[in-house]
């Protein structure tokens, strides 16, 4: 007997090593050819509390998390009580023999017998999980060797011994759980979380400067850049605050660097004046805003999509911008690359909206095709007429020649005040109009290059689920469930939420029988933006703002509530 899909949830306190178990298992499953989606739910504390690491694994493609639990690994005494109501009929509970199973089918693991120290309990849990899933131990033992090699052979041997003892112990038990169906996919797969893919895309585009002030869940973008900084020649600077971080990035861009900043909503709020400065200086910068529930500190380690309005309207005055919102790993990488290219081309701030769910969600993906990426625009290092060079020359496109200072025999002048085409400040009101018109003409190019939303399925006569960012996977699975029930359904996903081009999606909205916006905020921010830009009013709004990611079951249940 085999199971094609299994949802595993590892629960315990912060500091117990549940992420170690989860990452080892998820990486082994990826290397073995399985599809995974990881959901990490953790409290804002270093020790204690209750955290979970959930892995949904399938021999075929898996797109989103689910609420049900097939294997529950209880690494703390309260885990079973917290998640008992989510267990499926086939579920097994894996718990310390000291906690007991509370009448549930499962295995009471004798950690004290299997582990010389409590430190090794996560390796024992990993061995039991691998054995129950019928996963070739070699996939995991190789990872153990890689992980602990720097700590010496004794540490490697001790971990391998505990893992092997747990596998043998599991084989001696009478636990009935279906093995995973063997995967059919061939070829190498990568396991990355969303922030890693974003950072890799930006690095592929040539980002060579990154400034930041740490703020969950945006910090792992920077950590990924740091991991590759020496090899790629990237300067990374931790600033004293978010204001300094964005000003540093603009200074680096003025000097010819490709600059990246990563933060979350609260940190971005401090950067807003710097965003306006980017607009006036016409200096490119890419800003990653990893969303979490607010206001204020809110729920700093949970997920939400409530900062679209903040990013869209941030900054005093009017200036062009683009906002991307990736929905999966491939889009994270591609849009990380495209954001840098767009910022460089239009000399404007460009934003990437992600969220805690996607940021922390490990998934499998094919290696990215670097050779197929288009070239990124570069600033000038020389001009034909150095004496007559104007940094803000008025052009039909609004994009002026950007010269890197220090190369040509001229001065590159810029100013945060309104300025003349050569960069010197002015009080001439007629020049003000000319320069503002020039800057805003860049919006035409951004509109021309804007990504249309992706349609999955047929819109005509269907229920159309519109969504943006990380909600993509859950919406696709919800549409599949609706079609299984005889309800025609499709998904319209916006991976770019500004600027919007109505001609690319309004006909689809009009063709649908019913349109529903699915987004992770209270007020329906994208739905309202679409109404403002097009006049279209969605028939219903499925919202979520409890800090948890969307699932297909959640969306379908809410649709049924609306229908009632």
Protein backbone atom coordinates (compact mmCIF):
# COMPACT_ATOMS: atom_id res chain seq x y z
CA UNK A 1 0.00 0.00 0.00
CA UNK A 2 1.32 3.48 -0.85
CA UNK A 3 0.28 7.09 -0.30
CA UNK A 4 0.90 9.74 -2.94
CA UNK A 5 0.41 12.66 -0.52
CA UNK A 6 1.27 13.03 3.16
CA UNK A 7 1.10 16.05 5.46
CA UNK A 8 3.65 15.96 8.28
CA UNK A 9 3.57 18.39 11.18
CA UNK A 10 6.44 18.64 13.67
CA UNK A 11 5.47 20.57 16.79
CA UNK A 12 7.42 21.63 19.84
CA UNK A 13 9.08 24.43 21.71
CA UNK A 14 11.56 26.88 20.26
CA UNK A 15 15.04 25.45 20.81
CA UNK A 16 14.03 21.78 20.60
CA UNK A 17 15.42 21.31 17.10
CA UNK A 18 12.15 20.81 15.24
CA UNK A 19 13.42 22.97 12.36
CA UNK A 20 16.48 20.72 12.13
CA UNK A 21 14.24 17.67 11.76
CA UNK A 22 12.03 19.44 9.27
CA UNK A 23 14.79 20.81 7.08
CA UNK A 24 16.64 17.48 6.98
CA UNK A 25 13.48 15.61 5.99
CA UNK A 26 12.31 18.23 3.47
CA UNK A 27 15.71 18.31 1.78
CA UNK A 28 15.91 14.52 1.65
CA UNK A 29 12.44 14.32 0.11
CA UNK A 30 13.43 16.92 -2.48
CA UNK A 31 16.59 15.05 -3.41
CA UNK A 32 14.56 11.86 -3.72
CA UNK A 33 12.35 13.54 -6.31
CA UNK A 34 9.25 14.49 -4.28
CA UNK A 35 7.37 17.79 -4.37
CA UNK A 36 7.12 19.67 -1.08
CA UNK A 37 5.58 22.78 0.45
CA UNK A 38 6.78 23.78 3.91
CA UNK A 39 4.83 26.01 6.29
CA UNK A 40 6.63 27.40 9.33
CA UNK A 41 4.58 28.79 12.18
CA UNK A 42 6.59 30.17 15.08
CA UNK A 43 6.18 32.53 17.97
CA UNK A 44 8.32 35.59 18.60
CA UNK A 45 10.56 34.01 21.21
CA UNK A 46 13.91 32.21 21.39
CA UNK A 47 12.91 29.45 23.82
CA UNK A 48 9.61 27.86 24.78
CA UNK A 49 6.23 28.59 23.26
CA UNK A 50 4.81 26.38 20.54
CA UNK A 51 6.19 26.27 17.02
CA UNK A 52 5.44 24.03 14.07
CA UNK A 53 7.22 22.95 10.89
CA UNK A 54 4.78 21.37 8.43
CA UNK A 55 5.80 19.47 5.28
CA UNK A 56 3.23 18.60 2.68
CA UNK A 57 4.84 16.03 0.37
CA UNK A 58 3.52 14.42 -2.80
CA UNK A 59 4.84 12.25 -5.60
CA UNK A 60 3.18 14.77 -7.94
CA UNK A 61 3.25 18.57 -7.73
CA UNK A 62 1.99 20.12 -4.50
CA UNK A 63 1.13 23.82 -4.44
CA UNK A 64 -0.07 24.87 -1.00
CA UNK A 65 -0.36 23.83 2.65
CA UNK A 66 -3.33 21.97 4.09
CA UNK A 67 -4.92 21.84 7.54
CA UNK A 68 -5.11 18.06 7.95
CA UNK A 69 -2.27 16.09 9.56
CA UNK A 70 -1.23 12.55 8.62
CA UNK A 71 1.94 12.32 10.73
CA UNK A 72 2.19 14.37 13.92
CA UNK A 73 5.59 14.53 15.57
CA UNK A 74 5.04 15.74 19.12
CA UNK A 75 8.35 17.04 20.48
CA UNK A 76 6.64 18.72 23.43
CA UNK A 77 3.97 17.50 25.83
CA UNK A 78 1.29 19.94 24.61
CA UNK A 79 1.68 19.30 20.85
CA UNK A 80 -0.86 16.47 20.67
CA UNK A 81 -3.52 18.38 22.59
CA UNK A 82 -3.07 21.46 20.38
CA UNK A 83 -3.33 19.61 17.04
CA UNK A 84 -5.45 16.58 17.87
CA UNK A 85 -8.48 17.97 16.07
CA UNK A 86 -6.63 18.11 12.75
CA UNK A 87 -5.63 14.43 12.62
CA UNK A 88 -6.89 12.42 9.64
CA UNK A 89 -8.38 8.90 10.06
CA UNK A 90 -5.07 7.37 8.93
CA UNK A 91 -2.94 9.61 11.13
CA UNK A 92 -0.14 8.40 13.38
CA UNK A 93 1.24 10.31 16.35
CA UNK A 94 4.95 10.11 17.13
CA UNK A 95 5.58 11.19 20.69
CA UNK A 96 8.04 10.71 23.50
CA UNK A 97 7.13 7.62 25.51
CA UNK A 98 7.12 9.91 28.54
CA UNK A 99 4.19 11.92 27.08
CA UNK A 100 2.03 9.02 25.92
CA UNK A 101 -0.31 8.95 22.94
CA UNK A 102 -3.61 9.88 24.60
CA UNK A 103 -5.35 6.96 22.95
CA UNK A 104 -4.26 7.92 19.43
CA UNK A 105 -2.68 5.41 17.02
CA UNK A 106 1.04 5.98 16.84
CA UNK A 107 4.46 5.27 18.26
CA UNK A 108 5.67 6.09 21.75
CA UNK A 109 9.34 6.70 21.00
CA UNK A 110 11.80 5.72 23.75
CA UNK A 111 14.08 8.71 23.30
CA UNK A 112 15.94 7.95 26.54
CA UNK A 113 16.93 4.56 25.17
CA UNK A 114 17.76 5.71 21.67
CA UNK A 115 19.61 8.94 22.50
CA UNK A 116 22.72 9.34 24.68
CA UNK A 117 21.65 12.95 25.28
CA UNK A 118 18.41 14.93 24.74
CA UNK A 119 20.39 16.85 22.12
CA UNK A 120 19.99 13.88 19.75
CA UNK A 121 16.21 13.51 20.00
CA UNK A 122 15.70 15.34 16.73
CA UNK A 123 17.91 12.75 14.96
CA UNK A 124 15.83 9.95 16.48
CA UNK A 125 12.60 11.60 15.30
CA UNK A 126 14.14 11.96 11.85
CA UNK A 127 14.98 8.26 11.77
CA UNK A 128 11.43 7.26 12.73
CA UNK A 129 9.91 9.56 10.11
CA UNK A 130 12.20 8.34 7.37
CA UNK A 131 11.45 4.72 8.16
CA UNK A 132 7.67 5.23 8.24
CA UNK A 133 7.77 6.96 4.85
CA UNK A 134 9.97 4.17 3.43
CA UNK A 135 12.53 6.78 2.39
CA UNK A 136 15.93 5.38 1.45
CA UNK A 137 18.13 6.15 4.49
CA UNK A 138 20.95 7.19 2.18
CA UNK A 139 19.09 10.38 1.30
CA UNK A 140 19.22 11.43 4.96
CA UNK A 141 22.57 10.03 6.04
CA UNK A 142 24.29 11.96 3.26
CA UNK A 143 22.71 15.16 4.54
CA UNK A 144 23.78 14.37 8.11
CA UNK A 145 27.37 13.96 6.96
CA UNK A 146 27.26 17.22 5.03
CA UNK A 147 25.66 19.13 7.89
CA UNK A 148 27.99 18.04 10.69
CA UNK A 149 31.25 17.49 8.79
CA UNK A 150 32.74 20.74 10.10
CA UNK A 151 32.13 19.59 13.68
CA UNK A 152 34.31 16.53 13.30
CA UNK A 153 33.89 12.85 12.63
CA UNK A 154 32.86 12.06 16.20
CA UNK A 155 29.82 14.34 15.92
CA UNK A 156 28.93 12.89 12.53
CA UNK A 157 29.22 9.33 13.85
CA UNK A 158 27.14 10.07 16.95
CA UNK A 159 24.27 11.54 14.90
CA UNK A 160 24.39 8.70 12.37
CA UNK A 161 24.29 6.15 15.19
CA UNK A 162 21.16 7.67 16.72
CA UNK A 163 19.51 7.91 13.29
CA UNK A 164 20.29 4.23 12.52
CA UNK A 165 19.05 3.09 15.95
CA UNK A 166 15.76 4.92 15.38
CA UNK A 167 15.32 3.36 11.93
CA UNK A 168 15.94 -0.12 13.38
CA UNK A 169 13.57 0.51 16.29
CA UNK A 170 10.80 1.65 13.92
CA UNK A 171 11.21 -1.49 11.83
CA UNK A 172 10.61 -3.59 14.97
CA UNK A 173 7.26 -1.90 15.67
CA UNK A 174 3.85 -2.75 14.25
CA UNK A 175 3.04 0.75 13.03
CA UNK A 176 0.83 0.62 9.94
CA UNK A 177 1.48 3.63 7.72
CA UNK A 178 1.48 3.69 3.92
CA UNK A 179 4.83 4.26 2.26
CA UNK A 180 5.14 7.25 -0.02
CA UNK A 181 4.42 6.49 -3.66
CA UNK A 182 7.75 6.50 -5.54
CA UNK A 183 8.24 9.80 -7.40
CA UNK A 184 8.15 9.81 -11.18
CA UNK A 185 10.10 13.02 -11.77
CA UNK A 186 13.67 12.84 -12.96
CA UNK A 187 16.44 15.41 -12.82
CA UNK A 188 17.94 17.64 -10.19
CA UNK A 189 15.68 19.69 -7.93
CA UNK A 190 16.58 22.56 -5.62
CA UNK A 191 15.05 23.21 -2.20
CA UNK A 192 14.79 26.89 -1.40
CA UNK A 193 12.53 29.17 0.56
CA UNK A 194 10.97 32.23 -1.04
CA UNK A 195 13.47 34.74 0.33
CA UNK A 196 16.39 32.67 -0.94
CA UNK A 197 14.90 32.60 -4.44
CA UNK A 198 14.28 36.37 -4.35
CA UNK A 199 17.85 37.07 -3.28
CA UNK A 200 19.29 34.71 -5.90
CA UNK A 201 17.28 36.44 -8.61
CA UNK A 202 18.58 39.83 -7.51
CA UNK A 203 22.15 38.52 -7.36
CA UNK A 204 21.78 37.05 -10.85
CA UNK A 205 20.81 40.57 -12.00
CA UNK A 206 24.08 41.92 -10.63
CA UNK A 207 23.12 43.36 -7.26
CA UNK A 208 26.41 44.32 -5.63
CA UNK A 209 25.27 46.41 -2.67
CA UNK A 210 22.80 45.49 0.06
CA UNK A 211 22.01 47.60 3.10
CA UNK A 212 19.56 46.67 5.82
CA UNK A 213 18.42 46.79 9.39
CA UNK A 214 17.23 43.35 10.59
CA UNK A 215 13.47 42.82 10.63
CA UNK A 216 11.55 39.56 10.43
CA UNK A 217 10.57 38.18 7.94
CA UNK A 218 12.76 40.16 5.53
CA UNK A 219 16.15 39.41 7.04
CA UNK A 220 16.72 36.07 5.29
CA UNK A 221 16.85 37.89 1.95
CA UNK A 222 19.92 39.66 3.26
CA UNK A 223 21.29 36.50 4.87
CA UNK A 224 21.19 34.78 1.48
CA UNK A 225 23.06 37.71 -0.06
CA UNK A 226 25.63 37.49 2.75
CA UNK A 227 26.11 33.78 2.09
CA UNK A 228 27.19 34.57 -1.48
CA UNK A 229 28.73 38.01 -0.93
CA UNK A 230 32.39 36.97 -0.95
CA UNK A 231 32.06 34.85 -4.07
CA UNK A 232 30.12 37.53 -5.98
CA UNK A 233 31.81 40.66 -4.66
CA UNK A 234 28.75 42.11 -2.91
CA UNK A 235 29.07 44.78 -0.24
CA UNK A 236 26.60 44.21 2.61
CA UNK A 237 26.10 46.83 5.29
CA UNK A 238 23.98 46.56 8.43
CA UNK A 239 22.91 50.13 9.13
CA UNK A 240 22.00 51.71 12.45
CA UNK A 241 18.36 51.97 11.34
CA UNK A 242 16.11 51.67 8.30
CA UNK A 243 16.48 55.34 7.37
CA UNK A 244 20.22 54.94 7.04
CA UNK A 245 19.79 51.67 5.16
CA UNK A 246 17.85 53.19 2.26
CA UNK A 247 20.03 56.30 2.11
CA UNK A 248 23.12 54.07 1.89
CA UNK A 249 21.48 52.16 -0.96
CA UNK A 250 20.79 55.39 -2.86
CA UNK A 251 24.38 56.51 -2.35
CA UNK A 252 25.65 53.19 -3.69
CA UNK A 253 23.34 53.47 -6.71
CA UNK A 254 24.53 57.02 -7.42
CA UNK A 255 28.06 55.62 -7.52
CA UNK A 256 26.99 52.97 -10.05
CA UNK A 257 26.06 50.07 -7.76
CA UNK A 258 22.98 47.90 -8.07
CA UNK A 259 21.32 48.32 -4.71
CA UNK A 260 18.95 46.10 -2.74
CA UNK A 261 17.17 46.79 0.56
CA UNK A 262 15.05 44.27 2.49
CA UNK A 263 12.70 44.98 5.37
CA UNK A 264 9.15 44.50 6.64
CA UNK A 265 6.24 46.91 6.99
CA UNK A 266 7.37 48.64 10.18
CA UNK A 267 10.89 49.10 8.87
CA UNK A 268 9.64 50.30 5.51
CA UNK A 269 7.54 52.96 7.25
CA UNK A 270 10.82 54.56 8.33
CA UNK A 271 12.19 54.43 4.78
CA UNK A 272 9.38 56.43 3.19
CA UNK A 273 11.25 59.75 2.89
CA UNK A 274 14.10 57.86 1.26
CA UNK A 275 11.64 56.42 -1.28
CA UNK A 276 10.66 59.98 -2.26
CA UNK A 277 14.34 60.85 -2.50
CA UNK A 278 14.80 57.99 -4.96
CA UNK A 279 11.92 59.38 -7.01
CA UNK A 280 13.39 62.88 -7.15
CA UNK A 281 17.01 61.80 -7.71
CA UNK A 282 15.81 59.25 -10.30
CA UNK A 283 18.15 56.76 -8.69
CA UNK A 284 17.28 53.04 -8.92
CA UNK A 285 16.75 50.93 -5.83
CA UNK A 286 14.96 47.62 -5.22
CA UNK A 287 13.10 47.33 -1.92
CA UNK A 288 11.81 43.98 -0.67
CA UNK A 289 8.93 44.35 1.79
CA UNK A 290 8.18 41.05 3.52
CA UNK A 291 4.72 41.51 4.97
CA UNK A 292 3.54 40.52 8.43
CA UNK A 293 0.41 41.44 10.41
CA UNK A 294 0.27 44.96 11.80
CA UNK A 295 -0.34 47.64 12.87
CA UNK A 296 2.82 48.43 14.85
CA UNK A 297 4.66 45.27 15.94
CA UNK A 298 1.49 43.23 15.35
CA UNK A 299 2.29 39.54 14.91
CA UNK A 300 5.95 39.78 13.89
CA UNK A 301 6.39 36.12 12.93
CA UNK A 302 3.10 35.49 11.10
CA UNK A 303 1.84 36.25 7.61
CA UNK A 304 -0.46 38.79 5.95
CA UNK A 305 -0.89 40.80 2.72
CA UNK A 306 -1.80 44.15 4.21
CA UNK A 307 1.01 46.42 2.98
CA UNK A 308 -0.01 46.90 -0.65
CA UNK A 309 -1.53 50.31 0.08
CA UNK A 310 1.51 51.30 2.15
CA UNK A 311 3.94 50.49 -0.66
CA UNK A 312 1.74 51.90 -3.43
CA UNK A 313 1.30 55.29 -1.78
CA UNK A 314 4.57 55.57 0.18
CA UNK A 315 6.38 58.85 -0.27
CA UNK A 316 5.35 62.47 -0.58
CA UNK A 317 4.79 63.79 -4.05
CA UNK A 318 4.21 61.84 -7.26
CA UNK A 319 6.77 59.64 -9.00
CA UNK A 320 6.71 56.38 -10.95
CA UNK A 321 7.18 53.00 -9.33
CA UNK A 322 6.56 49.31 -10.02
CA UNK A 323 5.39 46.68 -7.52
CA UNK A 324 5.86 42.94 -8.00
CA UNK A 325 4.26 40.18 -5.91
CA UNK A 326 5.63 36.67 -6.60
CA UNK A 327 3.48 33.62 -5.95
CA UNK A 328 5.99 30.74 -6.10
CA UNK A 329 9.72 30.05 -6.18
CA UNK A 330 10.07 30.51 -9.91
CA UNK A 331 8.38 33.90 -9.73
CA UNK A 332 10.50 34.87 -6.72
CA UNK A 333 13.65 34.31 -8.75
CA UNK A 334 12.33 35.80 -12.00
CA UNK A 335 10.83 38.86 -10.32
CA UNK A 336 13.92 39.37 -8.17
CA UNK A 337 15.83 39.62 -11.42
CA UNK A 338 13.19 41.69 -13.21
CA UNK A 339 12.89 44.16 -10.31
CA UNK A 340 16.58 45.02 -10.59
CA UNK A 341 16.36 45.32 -14.37
CA UNK A 342 13.25 47.53 -14.14
CA UNK A 343 14.77 49.80 -11.51
CA UNK A 344 17.92 50.23 -13.60
CA UNK A 345 16.02 50.85 -16.83
CA UNK A 346 13.57 53.41 -15.47
CA UNK A 347 15.80 54.86 -12.73
CA UNK A 348 13.00 54.51 -10.19
CA UNK A 349 12.24 52.63 -6.97
CA UNK A 350 10.88 49.14 -7.56
CA UNK A 351 9.23 47.03 -4.87
CA UNK A 352 8.82 43.31 -4.27
CA UNK A 353 5.96 42.39 -1.93
CA UNK A 354 6.35 39.01 -0.28
CA UNK A 355 5.14 37.76 3.13
CA UNK A 356 6.18 35.54 6.01
CA UNK A 357 4.52 32.44 4.55
CA UNK A 358 6.32 32.60 1.21
CA UNK A 359 9.50 33.96 2.78
CA UNK A 360 9.86 30.92 5.07
CA UNK A 361 8.21 28.32 2.80
CA UNK A 362 10.74 25.77 1.56
CA UNK A 363 9.72 24.28 -1.78
CA UNK A 364 11.23 22.26 -4.57
CA UNK A 365 12.05 23.79 -7.92
CA UNK A 366 14.00 23.08 -11.05
CA UNK A 367 17.37 24.87 -11.32
CA UNK A 368 16.93 28.35 -12.75
CA UNK A 369 17.90 28.88 -16.40
CA UNK A 370 20.50 31.62 -15.99
CA UNK A 371 21.56 31.56 -19.64
CA UNK A 372 18.06 32.60 -20.72
CA UNK A 373 17.96 35.78 -18.63
CA UNK A 374 17.98 39.03 -20.63
CA UNK A 375 20.74 41.59 -20.02
CA UNK A 376 20.22 44.21 -17.33
CA UNK A 377 20.64 47.87 -18.39
CA UNK A 378 23.85 49.48 -17.22
CA UNK A 379 24.62 53.14 -16.44
CA UNK A 380 27.02 55.06 -18.67
CA UNK A 381 30.72 55.44 -17.96
CA UNK A 382 31.34 57.98 -20.72
CA UNK A 383 29.46 60.54 -22.79
CA UNK A 384 30.32 62.12 -26.13
CA UNK A 385 29.84 65.70 -24.89
CA UNK A 386 31.15 65.82 -21.34
CA UNK A 387 30.92 69.60 -21.13
CA UNK A 388 27.26 69.58 -22.13
CA UNK A 389 26.19 66.54 -20.08
CA UNK A 390 22.84 66.87 -18.31
CA UNK A 391 21.98 64.22 -15.76
CA UNK A 392 18.26 65.02 -16.04
CA UNK A 393 18.06 65.79 -19.74
CA UNK A 394 14.46 66.00 -20.95
CA UNK A 395 13.72 63.01 -23.19
CA UNK A 396 10.57 61.61 -24.84
CA UNK A 397 10.65 58.50 -22.60
CA UNK A 398 11.45 60.45 -19.44
CA UNK A 399 14.57 58.33 -18.92
CA UNK A 400 17.69 60.51 -18.82
CA UNK A 401 21.33 59.47 -19.39
CA UNK A 402 22.65 58.19 -16.08
CA UNK A 403 26.40 58.62 -15.86
CA UNK A 404 28.51 57.02 -13.13
CA UNK A 405 30.56 59.79 -11.49
CA UNK A 406 34.33 59.61 -11.69
CA UNK A 407 34.68 58.17 -15.19
CA UNK A 408 34.05 61.04 -17.62
CA UNK A 409 35.51 64.54 -17.40
CA UNK A 410 32.32 66.03 -16.00
CA UNK A 411 30.47 66.38 -12.74
CA UNK A 412 27.29 64.36 -12.15
CA UNK A 413 25.09 66.80 -10.25
CA UNK A 414 21.98 65.75 -8.35
CA UNK A 415 19.77 67.41 -5.78
CA UNK A 416 16.72 66.55 -3.68
CA UNK A 417 15.26 69.97 -4.47
CA UNK A 418 13.55 70.50 -7.80
CA UNK A 419 16.33 70.94 -10.32
CA UNK A 420 17.19 71.92 -13.84
CA UNK A 421 18.18 69.29 -16.41
CA UNK A 422 21.84 69.67 -15.40
CA UNK A 423 20.97 68.84 -11.76
CA UNK A 424 21.18 72.25 -10.09
CA UNK A 425 18.31 73.30 -7.84
CA UNK A 426 15.77 75.76 -9.17
CA UNK A 427 12.82 77.85 -8.06
CA UNK A 428 11.64 78.32 -11.64
CA UNK A 429 8.02 77.11 -11.65
CA UNK A 430 8.02 76.52 -15.38
CA UNK A 431 11.06 74.25 -15.06
CA UNK A 432 9.24 72.45 -12.26
CA UNK A 433 6.41 71.51 -14.62
CA UNK A 434 8.82 70.40 -17.34
CA UNK A 435 10.80 68.20 -14.95
CA UNK A 436 7.75 66.65 -13.29
CA UNK A 437 6.26 65.86 -16.68
CA UNK A 438 9.57 64.27 -17.67
CA UNK A 439 9.68 62.07 -14.55
CA UNK A 440 6.09 60.95 -14.91
CA UNK A 441 6.58 60.01 -18.57
CA UNK A 442 8.52 57.01 -17.28
CA UNK A 443 5.20 55.62 -16.10
CA UNK A 444 4.32 55.06 -19.74
CA UNK A 445 7.28 52.75 -20.13
CA UNK A 446 6.42 50.93 -16.91
CA UNK A 447 2.88 50.39 -18.20
CA UNK A 448 4.17 49.11 -21.51
CA UNK A 449 6.42 46.59 -19.73
CA UNK A 450 3.92 45.61 -17.02
CA UNK A 451 3.31 41.90 -16.55
CA UNK A 452 -0.25 40.82 -17.30
CA UNK A 453 -1.93 38.59 -14.71
CA UNK A 454 -1.73 34.85 -15.36
CA UNK A 455 -4.98 33.02 -16.10
CA UNK A 456 -5.19 29.38 -15.04
CA UNK A 457 -8.20 27.72 -16.69
CA UNK A 458 -11.05 29.18 -18.73
CA UNK A 459 -12.74 32.38 -17.55
CA UNK A 460 -15.90 32.20 -19.67
CA UNK A 461 -18.85 31.22 -17.50
CA UNK A 462 -16.62 30.24 -14.56
CA UNK A 463 -16.13 31.37 -11.00
CA UNK A 464 -12.95 33.43 -11.25
CA UNK A 465 -10.71 33.51 -8.16
CA UNK A 466 -8.48 36.58 -8.38
CA UNK A 467 -5.43 36.72 -6.12
CA UNK A 468 -1.92 38.11 -5.82
CA UNK A 469 1.40 37.09 -4.33
CA UNK A 470 1.67 33.98 -2.17
CA UNK A 471 -2.05 33.12 -2.39
CA UNK A 472 -1.51 31.54 -5.83
CA UNK A 473 -1.03 27.90 -4.76
CA UNK A 474 -4.03 27.78 -2.44
CA UNK A 475 -6.24 29.46 -5.05
CA UNK A 476 -5.20 26.94 -7.71
CA UNK A 477 -6.02 24.01 -5.41
CA UNK A 478 -9.33 25.64 -4.43
CA UNK A 479 -10.28 25.98 -8.09
CA UNK A 480 -9.46 22.30 -8.58
CA UNK A 481 -11.73 21.36 -5.66
CA UNK A 482 -14.54 23.47 -7.10
CA UNK A 483 -14.21 21.80 -10.50
CA UNK A 484 -14.36 18.38 -8.82
CA UNK A 485 -17.71 19.47 -7.36
CA UNK A 486 -18.98 20.43 -10.81
CA UNK A 487 -18.37 24.19 -10.44
CA UNK A 488 -16.39 25.69 -13.36
CA UNK A 489 -13.56 27.69 -11.80
CA UNK A 490 -10.37 29.45 -12.82
CA UNK A 491 -7.65 31.54 -11.18
CA UNK A 492 -6.39 34.99 -12.18
CA UNK A 493 -3.08 35.71 -10.42
CA UNK A 494 -1.41 39.12 -10.31
CA UNK A 495 2.36 38.85 -9.96
CA UNK A 496 2.60 42.58 -10.65
CA UNK A 497 0.15 44.77 -8.77
CA UNK A 498 1.31 48.16 -10.07
CA UNK A 499 1.03 49.58 -12.60
CA UNK A 500 -2.13 47.79 -13.69
CA UNK A 501 -3.11 47.56 -17.35
CA UNK A 502 -6.91 47.06 -17.46
CA UNK A 503 -6.95 45.78 -21.05
CA UNK A 504 -4.99 42.69 -19.95
CA UNK A 505 -7.56 41.46 -17.43
CA UNK A 506 -10.89 43.33 -17.51
CA UNK A 507 -12.21 41.19 -20.42
CA UNK A 508 -11.53 38.10 -18.31
CA UNK A 509 -13.41 39.54 -15.35
CA UNK A 510 -16.36 40.36 -17.59
CA UNK A 511 -16.36 36.88 -19.14
CA UNK A 512 -16.54 35.12 -15.77
CA UNK A 513 -19.87 34.15 -14.24
CA UNK A 514 -18.72 35.38 -10.84
CA UNK A 515 -15.54 37.10 -9.62
CA UNK A 516 -14.08 36.61 -6.15
CA UNK A 517 -10.99 38.36 -4.77
CA UNK A 518 -8.87 36.22 -2.44
CA UNK A 519 -6.31 38.22 -0.46
CA UNK A 520 -4.76 38.20 2.98
CA UNK A 521 -6.00 41.44 4.46
CA UNK A 522 -9.15 42.87 6.02
CA UNK A 523 -10.05 45.60 3.55
CA UNK A 524 -9.53 44.00 0.13
CA UNK A 525 -6.68 46.27 -0.94
CA UNK A 526 -6.13 44.89 -4.46
CA UNK A 527 -9.88 44.59 -5.02
CA UNK A 528 -10.28 48.29 -4.19
CA UNK A 529 -7.33 49.23 -6.38
CA UNK A 530 -8.83 47.34 -9.33
CA UNK A 531 -12.18 49.04 -8.70
CA UNK A 532 -10.48 52.43 -8.70
CA UNK A 533 -8.59 51.72 -11.93
CA UNK A 534 -11.31 49.87 -13.86
CA UNK A 535 -14.69 50.28 -12.16
CA UNK A 536 -14.99 46.50 -11.68
CA UNK A 537 -16.61 45.45 -8.41
CA UNK A 538 -15.91 41.89 -7.27
CA UNK A 539 -18.92 39.78 -6.35
CA UNK A 540 -17.28 38.50 -3.17
CA UNK A 541 -14.12 38.87 -1.11
CA UNK A 542 -12.41 35.98 0.69
CA UNK A 543 -10.16 37.54 3.31
CA UNK A 544 -7.73 36.10 5.82
CA UNK A 545 -5.91 38.11 8.48
CA UNK A 546 -5.40 35.72 11.41
CA UNK A 547 -1.68 35.36 10.69
CA UNK A 548 -2.02 32.02 8.90
CA UNK A 549 -1.62 31.30 5.17
CA UNK A 550 -4.48 30.48 2.85
CA UNK A 551 -5.34 26.86 2.13
CA UNK A 552 -7.68 25.45 -0.48
CA UNK A 553 -10.01 24.22 2.26
CA UNK A 554 -10.18 27.66 3.84
CA UNK A 555 -11.07 29.32 0.52
CA UNK A 556 -13.77 26.78 -0.36
CA UNK A 557 -15.29 26.96 3.13
CA UNK A 558 -15.48 30.76 2.92
CA UNK A 559 -17.08 30.56 -0.52
CA UNK A 560 -19.72 28.24 0.90
CA UNK A 561 -20.37 30.72 3.72
CA UNK A 562 -20.82 33.50 1.17
CA UNK A 563 -23.20 31.33 -0.85
CA UNK A 564 -25.30 30.64 2.26
